[in-house]
Amino acid sequence: TDAESLVEAAPTLLWVSLDGPEPINNAQRGAGVYQRVMRGIAAVHRVKTARGSVFPRLGINCTVTPLNYSAIEEFFLGCLDMTMLSAVSIELQSYMTAGRARQYADTLNLEFGVSSTPYADAYVRDPSVFAGIDVEDLTHQLKRVSEACAMNGVRFYSQPRTLEVSNIRNYFTANWDAMSDRRSRCGVPWIAAEISARGDVTPCHTFYDLTI
């Protein structure tokens, strides 16, 4: 089975993307996805236990959006079995403003001769789409999940790392320069390379417009 193959190959960490309880996840990722993913997680855990294997460790990645932000705590603390997990990563939805997208496209054209940026263009959002998110409630939920992970020996990652109301509000309003943990540069090109679904090797794991 696929689960047996994964355990035999023994990657260090297998990240699985889920975005909330079943109705919310399937609204974002497609009908039937939630149950298939949950069966897969259980199957890998079952095979690992039967073989006494440590790898692959399992991690859940969740993207916070206007659709699921109110169910983050419910999902992690009510729907998942933490004993199966080694890591949790919760990331605020990636986006860029139209102005930033134009700057990005101009840079790629000037420095690398790239004439179109369809991957980056797909991330363009007006910050107003996030106006309905209750940032205080979301921050409380994120802290609760972080605390639960600590209690269960599960590594917790978040983007941004600083889980404070003002920091998260600055993110969703595109006030990035005011964020307390804003980075001046991205380290990904120096530590990793990724292969896109088209087979292109790229130094960025978000925007695949520049290939090497």
C-alpha atoms as a PDB file:
ATOM      1  CA  THR A   1       0.000   0.000   0.000  1.00  0.00           C
ATOM      2  CA  ASP A   2       1.016   3.664  -0.173  1.00  0.00           C
ATOM      3  CA  ALA A   3       1.381   3.774   3.613  1.00  0.00           C
ATOM      4  CA  GLU A   4       3.754   0.803   3.597  1.00  0.00           C
ATOM      5  CA  SER A   5       5.804   2.395   0.811  1.00  0.00           C
ATOM      6  CA  LEU A   6       6.082   5.647   2.749  1.00  0.00           C
ATOM      7  CA  VAL A   7       7.192   3.903   5.929  1.00  0.00           C
ATOM      8  CA  GLU A   8       9.683   1.804   3.969  1.00  0.00           C
ATOM      9  CA  ALA A   9      11.127   4.886   2.263  1.00  0.00           C
ATOM     10  CA  ALA A  10      11.277   6.544   5.700  1.00  0.00           C
ATOM     11  CA  PRO A  11      11.390  10.261   4.905  1.00  0.00           C
ATOM     12  CA  THR A  12      12.194  12.209   8.056  1.00  0.00           C
ATOM     13  CA  LEU A  13       8.988  14.237   8.154  1.00  0.00           C
ATOM     14  CA  LEU A  14       5.816  13.930   6.115  1.00  0.00           C
ATOM     15  CA  TRP A  15       3.779  17.138   6.025  1.00  0.00           C
ATOM     16  CA  VAL A  16       0.056  16.815   5.368  1.00  0.00           C
ATOM     17  CA  SER A  17      -2.123  19.825   4.558  1.00  0.00           C
ATOM     18  CA  LEU A  18      -5.522  20.129   6.231  1.00  0.00           C
ATOM     19  CA  ASP A  19      -7.394  23.380   6.735  1.00  0.00           C
ATOM     20  CA  GLY A  20      -9.940  22.625   9.428  1.00  0.00           C
ATOM     21  CA  PRO A  21     -12.876  20.366  10.306  1.00  0.00           C
ATOM     22  CA  GLU A  22     -14.265  18.317   7.428  1.00  0.00           C
ATOM     23  CA  PRO A  23     -16.821  20.772   5.957  1.00  0.00           C
ATOM     24  CA  ILE A  24     -14.365  23.678   6.025  1.00  0.00           C
ATOM     25  CA  ASN A  25     -11.420  21.689   4.722  1.00  0.00           C
ATOM     26  CA  ASN A  26     -13.424  20.254   1.846  1.00  0.00           C
ATOM     27  CA  ALA A  27     -14.790  23.684   0.946  1.00  0.00           C
ATOM     28  CA  GLN A  28     -11.191  24.846   0.475  1.00  0.00           C
ATOM     29  CA  ARG A  29      -9.531  21.695  -0.854  1.00  0.00           C
ATOM     30  CA  GLY A  30     -12.253  19.652  -2.536  1.00  0.00           C
ATOM     31  CA  ALA A  31     -15.047  17.209  -1.764  1.00  0.00           C
ATOM     32  CA  GLY A  32     -13.958  14.040   0.037  1.00  0.00           C
ATOM     33  CA  VAL A  33     -10.410  15.251   0.672  1.00  0.00           C
ATOM     34  CA  TYR A  34     -10.694  15.336   4.470  1.00  0.00           C
ATOM     35  CA  GLN A  35     -11.656  11.687   4.885  1.00  0.00           C
ATOM     36  CA  ARG A  36      -9.019  10.500   2.420  1.00  0.00           C
ATOM     37  CA  VAL A  37      -6.318  12.431   4.235  1.00  0.00           C
ATOM     38  CA  MET A  38      -7.419  11.238   7.669  1.00  0.00           C
ATOM     39  CA  ARG A  39      -7.430   7.623   6.464  1.00  0.00           C
ATOM     40  CA  GLY A  40      -3.945   8.139   5.084  1.00  0.00           C
ATOM     41  CA  ILE A  41      -2.621   9.569   8.344  1.00  0.00           C
ATOM     42  CA  ALA A  42      -4.105   6.671  10.301  1.00  0.00           C
ATOM     43  CA  ALA A  43      -2.675   4.141   7.842  1.00  0.00           C
ATOM     44  CA  VAL A  44       0.862   5.543   8.070  1.00  0.00           C
ATOM     45  CA  HIS A  45       0.645   5.615  11.862  1.00  0.00           C
ATOM     46  CA  ARG A  46      -0.647   2.038  11.917  1.00  0.00           C
ATOM     47  CA  VAL A  47       2.159   0.732   9.687  1.00  0.00           C
ATOM     48  CA  LYS A  48       4.780   2.641  11.670  1.00  0.00           C
ATOM     49  CA  THR A  49       3.501   1.148  14.919  1.00  0.00           C
ATOM     50  CA  ALA A  50       3.411  -2.384  13.490  1.00  0.00           C
ATOM     51  CA  ARG A  51       6.998  -2.108  12.242  1.00  0.00           C
ATOM     52  CA  GLY A  52       8.316  -0.197  15.226  1.00  0.00           C
ATOM     53  CA  SER A  53       9.429   2.571  12.878  1.00  0.00           C
ATOM     54  CA  VAL A  54      10.166   6.152  13.901  1.00  0.00           C
ATOM     55  CA  PHE A  55       9.893   7.599  10.383  1.00  0.00           C
ATOM     56  CA  PRO A  56       8.180   9.248   8.739  1.00  0.00           C
ATOM     57  CA  ARG A  57       7.190  11.582  11.523  1.00  0.00           C
ATOM     58  CA  LEU A  58       3.859  13.233  10.735  1.00  0.00           C
ATOM     59  CA  GLY A  59       3.123  16.936  10.626  1.00  0.00           C
ATOM     60  CA  ILE A  60      -0.075  18.857   9.911  1.00  0.00           C
ATOM     61  CA  ASN A  61       0.131  22.101   7.963  1.00  0.00           C
ATOM     62  CA  CYS A  62      -2.849  24.460   8.151  1.00  0.00           C
ATOM     63  CA  THR A  63      -3.364  27.694   6.216  1.00  0.00           C
ATOM     64  CA  VAL A  64      -5.471  30.335   7.992  1.00  0.00           C
ATOM     65  CA  THR A  65      -8.040  31.961   5.706  1.00  0.00           C
ATOM     66  CA  PRO A  66     -11.229  34.006   6.139  1.00  0.00           C
ATOM     67  CA  LEU A  67     -13.169  30.740   5.793  1.00  0.00           C
ATOM     68  CA  ASN A  68     -11.479  28.687   8.522  1.00  0.00           C
ATOM     69  CA  TYR A  69      -9.988  31.156  11.027  1.00  0.00           C
ATOM     70  CA  SER A  70     -12.754  30.632  13.600  1.00  0.00           C
ATOM     71  CA  ALA A  71     -12.276  26.835  13.658  1.00  0.00           C
ATOM     72  CA  ILE A  72      -8.505  26.518  14.172  1.00  0.00           C
ATOM     73  CA  GLU A  73      -8.733  25.517  17.831  1.00  0.00           C
ATOM     74  CA  GLU A  74     -11.692  23.209  17.176  1.00  0.00           C
ATOM     75  CA  PHE A  75      -9.746  21.443  14.445  1.00  0.00           C
ATOM     76  CA  PHE A  76      -6.477  20.861  16.249  1.00  0.00           C
ATOM     77  CA  LEU A  77      -7.860  20.160  19.704  1.00  0.00           C
ATOM     78  CA  GLY A  78     -11.105  18.449  18.739  1.00  0.00           C
ATOM     79  CA  CYS A  79     -10.545  16.659  15.420  1.00  0.00           C
ATOM     80  CA  LEU A  80      -6.942  15.454  15.512  1.00  0.00           C
ATOM     81  CA  ASP A  81      -5.177  12.820  17.581  1.00  0.00           C
ATOM     82  CA  MET A  82      -2.063  14.626  18.790  1.00  0.00           C
ATOM     83  CA  THR A  83      -0.376  11.336  19.715  1.00  0.00           C
ATOM     84  CA  MET A  84       0.058  10.642  15.986  1.00  0.00           C
ATOM     85  CA  LEU A  85       1.809  13.935  15.302  1.00  0.00           C
ATOM     86  CA  SER A  86       5.346  15.220  15.644  1.00  0.00           C
ATOM     87  CA  ALA A  87       4.791  18.716  14.275  1.00  0.00           C
ATOM     88  CA  VAL A  88       2.144  21.337  13.575  1.00  0.00           C
ATOM     89  CA  SER A  89       2.540  24.351  11.317  1.00  0.00           C
ATOM     90  CA  ILE A  90      -0.083  27.091  11.092  1.00  0.00           C
ATOM     91  CA  GLU A  91       0.504  29.777   8.518  1.00  0.00           C
ATOM     92  CA  LEU A  92      -1.527  32.866   7.719  1.00  0.00           C
ATOM     93  CA  GLN A  93      -2.664  32.863   4.108  1.00  0.00           C
ATOM     94  CA  SER A  94       0.123  34.057   1.845  1.00  0.00           C
ATOM     95  CA  TYR A  95      -0.770  37.036  -0.303  1.00  0.00           C
ATOM     96  CA  MET A  96       0.676  40.138  -1.876  1.00  0.00           C
ATOM     97  CA  THR A  97      -0.802  43.446  -2.881  1.00  0.00           C
ATOM     98  CA  ALA A  98      -1.068  44.418  -6.531  1.00  0.00           C
ATOM     99  CA  GLY A  99       1.688  46.982  -5.997  1.00  0.00           C
ATOM    100  CA  ARG A 100       4.074  44.415  -4.539  1.00  0.00           C
ATOM    101  CA  ALA A 101       3.283  42.049  -7.403  1.00  0.00           C
ATOM    102  CA  ARG A 102       4.246  44.718  -9.933  1.00  0.00           C
ATOM    103  CA  GLN A 103       7.533  45.345  -8.094  1.00  0.00           C
ATOM    104  CA  TYR A 104       8.252  41.628  -8.083  1.00  0.00           C
ATOM    105  CA  ALA A 105       7.481  41.276 -11.795  1.00  0.00           C
ATOM    106  CA  ASP A 106       9.668  44.270 -12.650  1.00  0.00           C
ATOM    107  CA  THR A 107      12.582  42.823 -10.663  1.00  0.00           C
ATOM    108  CA  LEU A 108      12.336  39.400 -12.314  1.00  0.00           C
ATOM    109  CA  ASN A 109      12.194  41.017 -15.741  1.00  0.00           C
ATOM    110  CA  LEU A 110      15.114  43.366 -15.087  1.00  0.00           C
ATOM    111  CA  GLU A 111      17.410  40.926 -13.282  1.00  0.00           C
ATOM    112  CA  PHE A 112      16.525  37.588 -14.886  1.00  0.00           C
ATOM    113  CA  GLY A 113      14.671  38.312 -18.122  1.00  0.00           C
ATOM    114  CA  VAL A 114      11.466  36.663 -16.858  1.00  0.00           C
ATOM    115  CA  SER A 115       8.574  38.142 -18.826  1.00  0.00           C
ATOM    116  CA  SER A 116       5.559  36.794 -16.921  1.00  0.00           C
ATOM    117  CA  THR A 117       4.794  35.937 -13.286  1.00  0.00           C
ATOM    118  CA  PRO A 118       1.614  33.818 -13.207  1.00  0.00           C
ATOM    119  CA  TYR A 119       2.482  32.127  -9.920  1.00  0.00           C
ATOM    120  CA  ALA A 120       2.931  35.390  -8.057  1.00  0.00           C
ATOM    121  CA  ASP A 121      -0.096  36.923  -9.767  1.00  0.00           C
ATOM    122  CA  ALA A 122      -2.264  34.167  -8.265  1.00  0.00           C
ATOM    123  CA  TYR A 123      -1.348  35.417  -4.783  1.00  0.00           C
ATOM    124  CA  VAL A 124      -2.588  38.964  -5.316  1.00  0.00           C
ATOM    125  CA  ARG A 125      -5.300  39.920  -2.828  1.00  0.00           C
ATOM    126  CA  ASP A 126      -6.691  43.212  -1.619  1.00  0.00           C
ATOM    127  CA  PRO A 127      -6.238  43.286   2.188  1.00  0.00           C
ATOM    128  CA  SER A 128      -9.948  44.040   2.501  1.00  0.00           C
ATOM    129  CA  VAL A 129     -10.704  40.347   1.922  1.00  0.00           C
ATOM    130  CA  PHE A 130      -9.330  39.675   5.420  1.00  0.00           C
ATOM    131  CA  ALA A 131     -11.345  42.424   7.127  1.00  0.00           C
ATOM    132  CA  GLY A 132     -13.844  39.940   8.564  1.00  0.00           C
ATOM    133  CA  ILE A 133     -11.241  37.989  10.518  1.00  0.00           C
ATOM    134  CA  ASP A 134     -11.519  38.474  14.281  1.00  0.00           C
ATOM    135  CA  VAL A 135      -7.809  38.890  14.947  1.00  0.00           C
ATOM    136  CA  GLU A 136      -8.141  38.742  18.726  1.00  0.00           C
ATOM    137  CA  ASP A 137     -10.064  35.469  18.552  1.00  0.00           C
ATOM    138  CA  LEU A 138      -7.614  34.014  16.054  1.00  0.00           C
ATOM    139  CA  THR A 139      -4.623  34.967  18.197  1.00  0.00           C
ATOM    140  CA  HIS A 140      -6.198  33.310  21.237  1.00  0.00           C
ATOM    141  CA  GLN A 141      -6.803  30.130  19.239  1.00  0.00           C
ATOM    142  CA  LEU A 142      -3.247  30.025  17.930  1.00  0.00           C
ATOM    143  CA  LYS A 143      -1.846  30.362  21.445  1.00  0.00           C
ATOM    144  CA  ARG A 144      -4.119  27.580  22.696  1.00  0.00           C
ATOM    145  CA  VAL A 145      -2.924  25.249  19.952  1.00  0.00           C
ATOM    146  CA  SER A 146       0.695  26.188  20.665  1.00  0.00           C
ATOM    147  CA  GLU A 147       0.203  25.385  24.356  1.00  0.00           C
ATOM    148  CA  ALA A 148      -1.450  22.046  23.552  1.00  0.00           C
ATOM    149  CA  CYS A 149       1.442  21.126  21.273  1.00  0.00           C
ATOM    150  CA  ALA A 150       3.940  21.900  24.033  1.00  0.00           C
ATOM    151  CA  MET A 151       2.015  19.701  26.446  1.00  0.00           C
ATOM    152  CA  ASN A 152       2.002  16.811  23.965  1.00  0.00           C
ATOM    153  CA  GLY A 153       5.617  17.081  22.819  1.00  0.00           C
ATOM    154  CA  VAL A 154       4.595  18.269  19.341  1.00  0.00           C
ATOM    155  CA  ARG A 155       6.803  20.853  17.648  1.00  0.00           C
ATOM    156  CA  PHE A 156       4.831  23.997  16.826  1.00  0.00           C
ATOM    157  CA  TYR A 157       5.600  26.361  13.977  1.00  0.00           C
ATOM    158  CA  SER A 158       3.697  29.466  12.964  1.00  0.00           C
ATOM    159  CA  GLN A 159       4.026  32.123  10.336  1.00  0.00           C
ATOM    160  CA  PRO A 160       4.408  34.742  11.653  1.00  0.00           C
ATOM    161  CA  ARG A 161       6.213  33.450  14.717  1.00  0.00           C
ATOM    162  CA  THR A 162       5.059  36.219  17.050  1.00  0.00           C
ATOM    163  CA  LEU A 163       1.499  35.415  18.072  1.00  0.00           C
ATOM    164  CA  GLU A 164       0.323  38.823  19.165  1.00  0.00           C
ATOM    165  CA  VAL A 165      -2.838  40.639  18.086  1.00  0.00           C
ATOM    166  CA  SER A 166      -1.005  43.670  16.690  1.00  0.00           C
ATOM    167  CA  ASN A 167       1.420  41.518  14.721  1.00  0.00           C
ATOM    168  CA  ILE A 168      -1.286  39.435  13.097  1.00  0.00           C
ATOM    169  CA  ARG A 169      -3.403  42.517  12.391  1.00  0.00           C
ATOM    170  CA  ASN A 170      -0.437  44.164  10.681  1.00  0.00           C
ATOM    171  CA  TYR A 171      -0.044  41.087   8.505  1.00  0.00           C
ATOM    172  CA  PHE A 172      -3.648  40.989   7.351  1.00  0.00           C
ATOM    173  CA  THR A 173      -3.716  44.734   6.645  1.00  0.00           C
ATOM    174  CA  ALA A 174      -0.503  44.565   4.581  1.00  0.00           C
ATOM    175  CA  ASN A 175       1.248  46.746   7.161  1.00  0.00           C
ATOM    176  CA  TRP A 176       4.239  44.449   6.913  1.00  0.00           C
ATOM    177  CA  ASP A 177       6.889  47.020   7.813  1.00  0.00           C
ATOM    178  CA  ALA A 178       5.297  47.358  11.261  1.00  0.00           C
ATOM    179  CA  MET A 179       5.438  43.636  12.040  1.00  0.00           C
ATOM    180  CA  SER A 180       7.619  42.788  15.029  1.00  0.00           C
ATOM    181  CA  ASP A 181       9.208  39.779  13.334  1.00  0.00           C
ATOM    182  CA  ARG A 182       9.529  41.096   9.807  1.00  0.00           C
ATOM    183  CA  ARG A 183      12.556  39.693   8.005  1.00  0.00           C
ATOM    184  CA  SER A 184      14.647  41.806   5.677  1.00  0.00           C
ATOM    185  CA  ARG A 185      15.382  38.924   3.320  1.00  0.00           C
ATOM    186  CA  CYS A 186      14.395  35.340   2.527  1.00  0.00           C
ATOM    187  CA  GLY A 187      16.840  32.555   3.346  1.00  0.00           C
ATOM    188  CA  VAL A 188      15.144  29.827   1.297  1.00  0.00           C
ATOM    189  CA  PRO A 189      17.310  30.139  -1.872  1.00  0.00           C
ATOM    190  CA  TRP A 190      20.401  29.402   0.234  1.00  0.00           C
ATOM    191  CA  ILE A 191      19.055  26.342   2.030  1.00  0.00           C
ATOM    192  CA  ALA A 192      16.666  24.577  -0.347  1.00  0.00           C
ATOM    193  CA  ALA A 193      15.486  24.103  -3.909  1.00  0.00           C
ATOM    194  CA  GLU A 194      12.103  22.809  -4.964  1.00  0.00           C
ATOM    195  CA  ILE A 195      10.684  21.041  -7.996  1.00  0.00           C
ATOM    196  CA  SER A 196       7.364  22.388  -9.211  1.00  0.00           C
ATOM    197  CA  ALA A 197       4.542  20.242 -10.592  1.00  0.00           C
ATOM    198  CA  ARG A 198       5.809  21.149 -14.088  1.00  0.00           C
ATOM    199  CA  GLY A 199       9.239  19.726 -13.290  1.00  0.00           C
ATOM    200  CA  ASP A 200      10.995  23.082 -12.997  1.00  0.00           C
ATOM    201  CA  VAL A 201      13.631  23.547 -10.305  1.00  0.00           C
ATOM    202  CA  THR A 202      13.029  26.782  -8.422  1.00  0.00           C
ATOM    203  CA  PRO A 203      14.820  28.597  -5.579  1.00  0.00           C
ATOM    204  CA  CYS A 204      11.470  29.702  -4.097  1.00  0.00           C
ATOM    205  CA  HIS A 205       8.875  27.449  -2.511  1.00  0.00           C
ATOM    206  CA  THR A 206       6.040  29.928  -3.050  1.00  0.00           C
ATOM    207  CA  PHE A 207       6.544  31.677  -6.376  1.00  0.00           C
ATOM    208  CA  TYR A 208       7.779  29.344  -9.107  1.00  0.00           C
ATOM    209  CA  ASP A 209       8.146  32.082 -11.713  1.00  0.00           C
ATOM    210  CA  LEU A 210      11.952  32.011 -11.581  1.00  0.00           C
ATOM    211  CA  THR A 211      13.451  28.651 -12.565  1.00  0.00           C
ATOM    212  CA  ILE A 212      17.054  27.479 -12.535  1.00  0.00           C
END
